[in-house]
C-alpha atoms as a PDB file:
ATOM      1  CA  MET A   1     -47.278  23.285 148.328  1.00  0.00           C
ATOM      2  CA  GLU A   2     -44.695  21.961 150.373  1.00  0.00           C
ATOM      3  CA  GLN A   3     -43.652  19.202 147.738  1.00  0.00           C
ATOM      4  CA  VAL A   4     -43.271  21.919 145.264  1.00  0.00           C
ATOM      5  CA  VAL A   5     -41.075  24.019 147.206  1.00  0.00           C
ATOM      6  CA  SER A   6     -38.758  20.705 147.814  1.00  0.00           C
ATOM      7  CA  ARG A   7     -38.357  20.136 144.114  1.00  0.00           C
ATOM      8  CA  ARG A   8     -37.133  23.640 143.254  1.00  0.00           C
ATOM      9  CA  ARG A   9     -34.804  23.719 146.366  1.00  0.00           C
ATOM     10  CA  PRO A  10     -32.126  22.138 144.127  1.00  0.00           C
ATOM     11  CA  ARG A  11     -32.233  24.507 141.354  1.00  0.00           C
ATOM     12  CA  LEU A  12     -32.048  27.515 143.730  1.00  0.00           C
ATOM     13  CA  ALA A  13     -29.134  26.428 145.403  1.00  0.00           C
ATOM     14  CA  GLN A  14     -27.142  25.900 141.991  1.00  0.00           C
ATOM     15  CA  SER A  15     -27.858  29.323 140.742  1.00  0.00           C
ATOM     16  CA  VAL A  16     -26.616  30.589 144.110  1.00  0.00           C
ATOM     17  CA  ILE A  17     -23.408  28.311 143.706  1.00  0.00           C
ATOM     18  CA  ASP A  18     -23.274  29.220 140.060  1.00  0.00           C
ATOM     19  CA  GLU A  19     -23.197  33.075 140.884  1.00  0.00           C
ATOM     20  CA  MET A  20     -20.854  32.664 143.637  1.00  0.00           C
ATOM     21  CA  ARG A  21     -18.205  30.881 141.392  1.00  0.00           C
ATOM     22  CA  ARG A  22     -18.770  33.612 138.771  1.00  0.00           C
ATOM     23  CA  ARG A  23     -17.952  36.228 141.192  1.00  0.00           C
ATOM     24  CA  ILE A  24     -14.838  34.238 142.537  1.00  0.00           C
ATOM     25  CA  ASP A  25     -13.609  33.526 138.974  1.00  0.00           C
ATOM     26  CA  SER A  26     -14.141  36.952 138.030  1.00  0.00           C
ATOM     27  CA  GLY A  27     -12.163  38.329 140.964  1.00  0.00           C
ATOM     28  CA  ALA A  28     -15.279  40.268 142.044  1.00  0.00           C
ATOM     29  CA  LEU A  29     -14.622  38.147 145.372  1.00  0.00           C
ATOM     30  CA  PRO A  30     -10.775  37.505 145.386  1.00  0.00           C
ATOM     31  CA  VAL A  31      -8.888  35.094 147.485  1.00  0.00           C
ATOM     32  CA  GLY A  32      -9.309  36.297 151.333  1.00  0.00           C
ATOM     33  CA  ALA A  33     -12.750  38.139 150.818  1.00  0.00           C
ATOM     34  CA  GLN A  34     -15.590  37.692 153.145  1.00  0.00           C
ATOM     35  CA  LEU A  35     -18.443  36.355 151.739  1.00  0.00           C
ATOM     36  CA  PRO A  36     -21.946  38.300 152.938  1.00  0.00           C
ATOM     37  CA  THR A  37     -23.828  36.990 155.748  1.00  0.00           C
ATOM     38  CA  GLU A  38     -26.323  34.384 155.213  1.00  0.00           C
ATOM     39  CA  PRO A  39     -29.261  36.783 155.868  1.00  0.00           C
ATOM     40  CA  GLN A  40     -27.420  39.142 153.018  1.00  0.00           C
ATOM     41  CA  LEU A  41     -27.329  36.010 150.465  1.00  0.00           C
ATOM     42  CA  GLU A  42     -30.880  35.485 151.264  1.00  0.00           C
ATOM     43  CA  ILE A  43     -31.679  39.228 150.300  1.00  0.00           C
ATOM     44  CA  GLN A  44     -29.320  39.047 147.415  1.00  0.00           C
ATOM     45  CA  PHE A  45     -30.879  35.796 146.060  1.00  0.00           C
ATOM     46  CA  GLY A  46     -34.376  35.981 147.406  1.00  0.00           C
ATOM     47  CA  VAL A  47     -34.106  32.207 148.697  1.00  0.00           C
ATOM     48  CA  SER A  48     -34.418  30.888 151.971  1.00  0.00           C
ATOM     49  CA  ARG A  49     -31.888  30.278 154.708  1.00  0.00           C
ATOM     50  CA  THR A  50     -31.814  26.335 154.025  1.00  0.00           C
ATOM     51  CA  VAL A  51     -31.013  27.156 150.406  1.00  0.00           C
ATOM     52  CA  VAL A  52     -28.240  29.621 150.865  1.00  0.00           C
ATOM     53  CA  ARG A  53     -26.594  26.953 153.596  1.00  0.00           C
ATOM     54  CA  GLU A  54     -26.673  24.138 151.173  1.00  0.00           C
ATOM     55  CA  ALA A  55     -24.847  26.371 148.390  1.00  0.00           C
ATOM     56  CA  ILE A  56     -22.113  27.391 151.110  1.00  0.00           C
ATOM     57  CA  ALA A  57     -21.792  23.673 152.030  1.00  0.00           C
ATOM     58  CA  GLU A  58     -21.217  22.743 148.147  1.00  0.00           C
ATOM     59  CA  LEU A  59     -18.793  25.498 147.885  1.00  0.00           C
ATOM     60  CA  ARG A  60     -16.941  24.476 150.956  1.00  0.00           C
ATOM     61  CA  ALA A  61     -16.575  20.811 149.763  1.00  0.00           C
ATOM     62  CA  ALA A  62     -15.342  21.892 146.441  1.00  0.00           C
ATOM     63  CA  GLY A  63     -12.773  24.223 148.279  1.00  0.00           C
ATOM     64  CA  PHE A  64     -13.649  27.462 146.763  1.00  0.00           C
ATOM     65  CA  VAL A  65     -14.544  28.902 150.411  1.00  0.00           C
ATOM     66  CA  THR A  66     -13.461  28.180 154.182  1.00  0.00           C
ATOM     67  CA  PRO A  67     -14.762  29.036 157.514  1.00  0.00           C
ATOM     68  CA  ILE A  68     -12.751  31.251 159.820  1.00  0.00           C
ATOM     69  CA  GLN A  69     -14.201  30.586 163.493  1.00  0.00           C
ATOM     70  CA  GLY A  70     -15.752  33.683 164.993  1.00  0.00           C
ATOM     71  CA  LYS A  71     -15.229  35.651 161.531  1.00  0.00           C
ATOM     72  CA  GLY A  72     -17.233  34.171 158.996  1.00  0.00           C
ATOM     73  CA  ILE A  73     -16.925  32.593 155.532  1.00  0.00           C
ATOM     74  CA  PHE A  74     -13.906  33.383 153.009  1.00  0.00           C
ATOM     75  CA  VAL A  75     -12.741  32.793 149.621  1.00  0.00           C
ATOM     76  CA  ALA A  76     -10.155  30.423 149.732  1.00  0.00           C
ATOM     77  CA  GLU A  77      -6.883  29.708 147.477  1.00  0.00           C
ATOM     78  CA  GLN A  78      -7.985  28.366 143.907  1.00  0.00           C
ATOM     79  CA  GLY A  79      -7.322  25.080 143.071  1.00  0.00           C
ATOM     80  CA  ARG A  80      -6.601  24.091 146.998  1.00  0.00           C
ATOM     81  CA  GLN A  81      -7.178  20.149 147.329  1.00  0.00           C
ATOM     82  CA  VAL A  82      -9.007  18.817 150.542  1.00  0.00           C
ATOM     83  CA  LEU A  83      -7.092  15.699 149.881  1.00  0.00           C
ATOM     84  CA  ILE A  84      -3.728  16.939 151.351  1.00  0.00           C
ATOM     85  CA  ASP A  85      -5.556  17.079 154.683  1.00  0.00           C
ATOM     86  CA  LEU A  86      -6.443  13.390 154.333  1.00  0.00           C
ATOM     87  CA  THR A  87      -4.465  10.445 156.334  1.00  0.00           C
ATOM     88  CA  PRO A  88      -3.353   7.647 153.892  1.00  0.00           C
ATOM     89  CA  GLY A  89      -5.804   5.538 155.289  1.00  0.00           C
ATOM     90  CA  GLU A  90      -8.420   7.756 154.103  1.00  0.00           C
ATOM     91  CA  ILE A  91      -6.990   8.551 150.721  1.00  0.00           C
ATOM     92  CA  GLN A  92      -6.879   4.433 150.205  1.00  0.00           C
ATOM     93  CA  SER A  93     -10.267   4.056 151.174  1.00  0.00           C
ATOM     94  CA  ILE A  94     -11.497   6.592 148.576  1.00  0.00           C
ATOM     95  CA  PRO A  95     -12.088   4.056 145.193  1.00  0.00           C
ATOM     96  CA  GLN A  96     -13.882   1.901 147.518  1.00  0.00           C
ATOM     97  CA  THR A  97     -16.081   4.771 148.868  1.00  0.00           C
ATOM     98  CA  LEU A  98     -16.796   5.539 144.910  1.00  0.00           C
ATOM     99  CA  GLU A  99     -17.846   2.168 144.309  1.00  0.00           C
ATOM    100  CA  MET A 100     -20.236   1.995 147.167  1.00  0.00           C
ATOM    101  CA  LEU A 101     -21.932   5.175 146.367  1.00  0.00           C
ATOM    102  CA  GLU A 102     -22.248   4.015 142.821  1.00  0.00           C
ATOM    103  CA  PHE A 103     -23.952   0.872 144.122  1.00  0.00           C
ATOM    104  CA  ARG A 104     -26.159   2.745 146.501  1.00  0.00           C
ATOM    105  CA  MET A 105     -27.415   4.943 144.009  1.00  0.00           C
ATOM    106  CA  ALA A 106     -28.427   1.934 141.872  1.00  0.00           C
ATOM    107  CA  VAL A 107     -30.232   0.482 144.792  1.00  0.00           C
ATOM    108  CA  GLU A 108     -31.708   3.170 146.858  1.00  0.00           C
ATOM    109  CA  THR A 109     -33.249   5.290 144.105  1.00  0.00           C
ATOM    110  CA  GLU A 110     -35.398   2.461 143.267  1.00  0.00           C
ATOM    111  CA  ALA A 111     -35.934   1.579 146.847  1.00  0.00           C
ATOM    112  CA  ALA A 112     -37.072   5.410 147.616  1.00  0.00           C
ATOM    113  CA  ALA A 113     -39.404   5.320 144.786  1.00  0.00           C
ATOM    114  CA  ILE A 114     -41.072   1.912 145.924  1.00  0.00           C
ATOM    115  CA  ALA A 115     -41.415   2.842 149.428  1.00  0.00           C
ATOM    116  CA  ALA A 116     -43.050   6.231 148.078  1.00  0.00           C
ATOM    117  CA  TYR A 117     -46.019   3.980 147.007  1.00  0.00           C
ATOM    118  CA  ARG A 118     -45.706   0.645 149.322  1.00  0.00           C
ATOM    119  CA  ARG A 119     -44.827   2.321 152.784  1.00  0.00           C
ATOM    120  CA  SER A 120     -47.425   2.306 155.584  1.00  0.00           C
ATOM    121  CA  ALA A 121     -48.369   4.613 157.733  1.00  0.00           C
ATOM    122  CA  GLU A 122     -46.320   3.152 160.769  1.00  0.00           C
ATOM    123  CA  GLN A 123     -43.226   2.671 158.394  1.00  0.00           C
ATOM    124  CA  GLU A 124     -43.562   6.494 157.115  1.00  0.00           C
ATOM    125  CA  ASN A 125     -43.329   7.554 160.707  1.00  0.00           C
ATOM    126  CA  VAL A 126     -40.221   5.571 161.540  1.00  0.00           C
ATOM    127  CA  ILE A 127     -38.389   7.050 158.556  1.00  0.00           C
ATOM    128  CA  ARG A 128     -39.661  10.659 159.767  1.00  0.00           C
ATOM    129  CA  THR A 129     -38.498   9.807 163.179  1.00  0.00           C
ATOM    130  CA  ALA A 130     -35.016   8.813 161.953  1.00  0.00           C
ATOM    131  CA  HIS A 131     -35.022  12.302 160.275  1.00  0.00           C
ATOM    132  CA  MET A 132     -35.957  14.105 162.989  1.00  0.00           C
ATOM    133  CA  GLU A 133     -33.137  12.364 165.109  1.00  0.00           C
ATOM    134  CA  MET A 134     -30.548  13.204 162.452  1.00  0.00           C
ATOM    135  CA  ASP A 135     -31.683  16.881 162.616  1.00  0.00           C
ATOM    136  CA  ARG A 136     -31.523  17.163 166.447  1.00  0.00           C
ATOM    137  CA  ARG A 137     -27.972  15.729 166.152  1.00  0.00           C
ATOM    138  CA  VAL A 138     -26.621  18.027 163.841  1.00  0.00           C
ATOM    139  CA  ALA A 139     -28.290  20.955 165.822  1.00  0.00           C
ATOM    140  CA  GLN A 140     -26.506  19.640 169.130  1.00  0.00           C
ATOM    141  CA  SER A 141     -22.991  18.758 167.428  1.00  0.00           C
ATOM    142  CA  GLU A 142     -23.310  14.892 168.057  1.00  0.00           C
ATOM    143  CA  PRO A 143     -22.370  12.390 165.724  1.00  0.00           C
ATOM    144  CA  THR A 144     -24.560  11.674 162.980  1.00  0.00           C
ATOM    145  CA  ALA A 145     -23.394   8.493 160.754  1.00  0.00           C
ATOM    146  CA  GLU A 146     -25.645   6.144 162.645  1.00  0.00           C
ATOM    147  CA  ALA A 147     -28.568   8.317 162.737  1.00  0.00           C
ATOM    148  CA  ASP A 148     -28.128   8.806 158.618  1.00  0.00           C
ATOM    149  CA  PHE A 149     -27.831   5.219 158.164  1.00  0.00           C
ATOM    150  CA  ALA A 150     -30.947   4.513 160.138  1.00  0.00           C
ATOM    151  CA  PHE A 151     -32.689   6.833 158.182  1.00  0.00           C
ATOM    152  CA  HIS A 152     -31.787   5.079 154.703  1.00  0.00           C
ATOM    153  CA  THR A 153     -32.523   1.585 156.404  1.00  0.00           C
ATOM    154  CA  ALA A 154     -36.116   2.889 157.313  1.00  0.00           C
ATOM    155  CA  ILE A 155     -36.576   3.725 153.502  1.00  0.00           C
ATOM    156  CA  GLY A 156     -35.357   0.677 152.488  1.00  0.00           C
ATOM    157  CA  ALA A 157     -37.368  -1.394 155.020  1.00  0.00           C
ATOM    158  CA  ALA A 158     -40.701   0.444 153.851  1.00  0.00           C
ATOM    159  CA  THR A 159     -40.213  -1.162 150.233  1.00  0.00           C
ATOM    160  CA  ASN A 160     -41.177  -4.403 151.923  1.00  0.00           C
ATOM    161  CA  ASN A 161     -38.671  -6.315 150.122  1.00  0.00           C
ATOM    162  CA  ARG A 162     -36.110  -7.739 152.683  1.00  0.00           C
ATOM    163  CA  TYR A 163     -33.395  -7.508 149.742  1.00  0.00           C
ATOM    164  CA  PHE A 164     -33.171  -3.657 149.855  1.00  0.00           C
ATOM    165  CA  VAL A 165     -32.192  -3.929 153.660  1.00  0.00           C
ATOM    166  CA  ASP A 166     -29.957  -6.723 152.889  1.00  0.00           C
ATOM    167  CA  ALA A 167     -28.126  -4.710 150.677  1.00  0.00           C
ATOM    168  CA  LEU A 168     -27.476  -1.608 153.192  1.00  0.00           C
ATOM    169  CA  ASN A 169     -26.770  -4.094 155.886  1.00  0.00           C
ATOM    170  CA  ARG A 170     -24.081  -5.311 153.905  1.00  0.00           C
ATOM    171  CA  PHE A 171     -22.132  -2.112 154.526  1.00  0.00           C
ATOM    172  CA  GLY A 172     -23.560  -1.443 157.771  1.00  0.00           C
ATOM    173  CA  PRO A 173     -23.199   2.624 158.889  1.00  0.00           C
ATOM    174  CA  ARG A 174     -19.878   2.903 156.872  1.00  0.00           C
ATOM    175  CA  ALA A 175     -22.206   3.207 154.209  1.00  0.00           C
ATOM    176  CA  ILE A 176     -22.019   6.736 155.387  1.00  0.00           C
ATOM    177  CA  PRO A 177     -18.948   7.927 153.507  1.00  0.00           C
ATOM    178  CA  ARG A 178     -17.835  10.687 156.263  1.00  0.00           C
ATOM    179  CA  SER A 179     -17.721   8.002 158.857  1.00  0.00           C
ATOM    180  CA  GLN A 180     -14.695   6.842 156.735  1.00  0.00           C
ATOM    181  CA  PHE A 181     -13.376  10.441 156.676  1.00  0.00           C
ATOM    182  CA  PRO A 182     -13.087  11.884 159.861  1.00  0.00           C
ATOM    183  CA  THR A 183     -10.489  14.410 158.965  1.00  0.00           C
ATOM    184  CA  LEU A 184     -12.469  15.954 155.991  1.00  0.00           C
ATOM    185  CA  PRO A 185     -13.346  19.341 157.030  1.00  0.00           C
ATOM    186  CA  SER A 186     -17.433  18.770 155.942  1.00  0.00           C
ATOM    187  CA  ALA A 187     -17.713  15.558 158.326  1.00  0.00           C
ATOM    188  CA  ASN A 188     -18.500  17.878 160.989  1.00  0.00           C
ATOM    189  CA  ASP A 189     -19.607  20.810 159.386  1.00  0.00           C
ATOM    190  CA  ALA A 190     -22.744  22.260 160.559  1.00  0.00           C
ATOM    191  CA  ALA A 191     -23.739  24.041 157.108  1.00  0.00           C
ATOM    192  CA  TYR A 192     -22.928  20.725 155.155  1.00  0.00           C
ATOM    193  CA  LEU A 193     -24.794  18.662 157.662  1.00  0.00           C
ATOM    194  CA  ALA A 194     -27.873  21.161 157.417  1.00  0.00           C
ATOM    195  CA  GLY A 195     -27.683  20.512 153.582  1.00  0.00           C
ATOM    196  CA  VAL A 196     -27.663  16.682 154.079  1.00  0.00           C
ATOM    197  CA  VAL A 197     -30.739  17.004 156.498  1.00  0.00           C
ATOM    198  CA  ALA A 198     -32.261  19.235 153.959  1.00  0.00           C
ATOM    199  CA  GLU A 199     -31.989  16.572 151.373  1.00  0.00           C
ATOM    200  CA  HIS A 200     -33.198  13.931 153.553  1.00  0.00           C
ATOM    201  CA  GLU A 201     -36.340  15.897 153.990  1.00  0.00           C
ATOM    202  CA  ARG A 202     -36.970  16.218 150.328  1.00  0.00           C
ATOM    203  CA  ILE A 203     -36.689  12.516 149.982  1.00  0.00           C
ATOM    204  CA  LEU A 204     -39.342  12.366 153.362  1.00  0.00           C
ATOM    205  CA  ASN A 205     -41.575  14.588 151.831  1.00  0.00           C
ATOM    206  CA  ALA A 206     -41.828  12.797 148.721  1.00  0.00           C
ATOM    207  CA  ILE A 207     -42.289   9.210 150.279  1.00  0.00           C
ATOM    208  CA  SER A 208     -44.985  10.657 152.590  1.00  0.00           C
ATOM    209  CA  ASP A 209     -46.726  12.383 149.324  1.00  0.00           C
ATOM    210  CA  GLN A 210     -46.817   9.067 147.593  1.00  0.00           C
ATOM    211  CA  ASP A 211     -44.969  10.481 144.684  1.00  0.00           C
ATOM    212  CA  PRO A 212     -42.455   7.771 143.346  1.00  0.00           C
ATOM    213  CA  GLU A 213     -40.912   9.742 140.528  1.00  0.00           C
ATOM    214  CA  ALA A 214     -40.082  12.752 143.128  1.00  0.00           C
ATOM    215  CA  ALA A 215     -38.693   9.974 145.725  1.00  0.00           C
ATOM    216  CA  ARG A 216     -36.748   8.707 143.131  1.00  0.00           C
ATOM    217  CA  ALA A 217     -35.214  11.932 141.984  1.00  0.00           C
ATOM    218  CA  ALA A 218     -34.557  13.340 145.617  1.00  0.00           C
ATOM    219  CA  MET A 219     -32.536  10.087 146.562  1.00  0.00           C
ATOM    220  CA  ARG A 220     -30.785  10.160 143.158  1.00  0.00           C
ATOM    221  CA  GLU A 221     -29.666  13.903 143.614  1.00  0.00           C
ATOM    222  CA  HIS A 222     -28.729  13.176 147.495  1.00  0.00           C
ATOM    223  CA  LEU A 223     -26.287  10.403 146.470  1.00  0.00           C
ATOM    224  CA  LEU A 224     -25.024  11.831 143.349  1.00  0.00           C
ATOM    225  CA  GLY A 225     -24.102  14.911 145.583  1.00  0.00           C
ATOM    226  CA  SER A 226     -22.042  12.636 147.705  1.00  0.00           C
ATOM    227  CA  GLN A 227     -20.209  10.935 144.424  1.00  0.00           C
ATOM    228  CA  LYS A 228     -19.523  14.169 143.214  1.00  0.00           C
ATOM    229  CA  ARG A 229     -17.550  15.358 146.643  1.00  0.00           C
ATOM    230  CA  TYR A 230     -15.453  12.126 146.595  1.00  0.00           C
ATOM    231  CA  ARG A 231     -14.819  11.903 143.136  1.00  0.00           C
ATOM    232  CA  ARG A 232     -13.033  15.549 143.640  1.00  0.00           C
ATOM    233  CA  LEU A 233     -10.689  14.179 146.386  1.00  0.00           C
ATOM    234  CA  ALA A 234      -9.637  11.527 144.012  1.00  0.00           C
ATOM    235  CA  ARG A 235      -8.111  13.981 141.765  1.00  0.00           C
END
């Protein structure tokens, strides 16, 4: 049952995103309007808190909404580009980041699938421990890039094929794009990072269930989401 919920979550989050964007585009939620609270959105859409947070994180990454500390989430000015907040060095690194994500998608989707049927119980525990550490760091507002990288390398190691680990170690922790974009709002955003943790959980569950197709799909969606976010910065 847990695995079925894991597979449905991306579709549920997308339905929330699509409806919220429809409301914004139609003017039902004009610029400056405050979004309903998370509990209100849960009731409106009949989804979990995690799904709501994933949807809000995506809307924020796309520049549709913005938080105001102590007040809530508000509709941002349409077409506002996150790019203007980046440093020159960050802007120059966007093409390289996109190339790296493209390479990682080709390698890590298969790594997740292979790990799903080849991992040992001990290797699964290492992946789970890395996931729990990432979750803890998000909850404590601590840096997460190294924990995120440890999760991905643990999956590479669980393939029992050293070339997957070698490919990841080529990049090191900078394989996690947000480590290269410290001024990007989502880099330290709790809602966005909670979404990343949820994506990791889906990957972990598929590997734990020894379901290669689910693991491949979960990893692809995880990396594709990052690729889409950084492509938007290049516009």
